[in-house]
Amino acid sequence: MLFRSPVASIGRGIQIAVEQGRGAVLVAAGDYDETVTMSSGVSVYGGYNADFAEHNADTNPTVINGQEYRAVIVENLNLSSTLWGFDIYGADAVTPGGASIAVWVKDVNDGLFTGEYLDIFPGAGAAGAPGAEGALGDDGQSGMNGSVATGGQGGFSACGANGGDRKSTRLNSSHALDL
């Protein structure tokens, strides 16, 4: 299968290249919503137009939109591989305290991986997990002594009755008001 028989994903192109012993995958301009895992000895070149006649990453933007916390995974290469001509966007992290890594390189010896003409944009890291409950604080200080308050004066009555003695007073005709 040659570049004249395109496939829908970069990952599938890499898989075919490995199966057929080919060293390169050519990628046409467009958005690729996937996480790409590089393979030893296979280079991946973005920036091609739809018929692969032109190779220019500026006029043929090729975008990888990672679908997990890593957008491109480069791990355990034993043969040289190149990634060229991509805008790479990492997905936002969703695990508490998690990171977003646009290009993740692990266990690769110097000189076995080359990234060229790449614009790399990690997503947002996730907020940390809630902290543990704090230790109990020290006992508080003793409070101040209380104070004694005296009551106020009794109330005023417009009809001449005594107020404030907590006894019920029954009104009769001599205590009625002229209105």
Foldseek 3Di string as FASTA:
>chain_A
DDVQDDDDAPQVQQVVCVVVVHQEDEEFADEHEEAAEHAARHEYAYQAHPRRPDRDLVVRAHEFEYPALERYEYEDHPHAYEYERYEFEWDEHDPAQAHRHRYHYYHDDPPRYYYYNYHYHTHHYHHHDDDDDDDDDDDDDDDDDDDDDDDDDFDDDPQPDGGDPPDDDDDDPSSDDDD
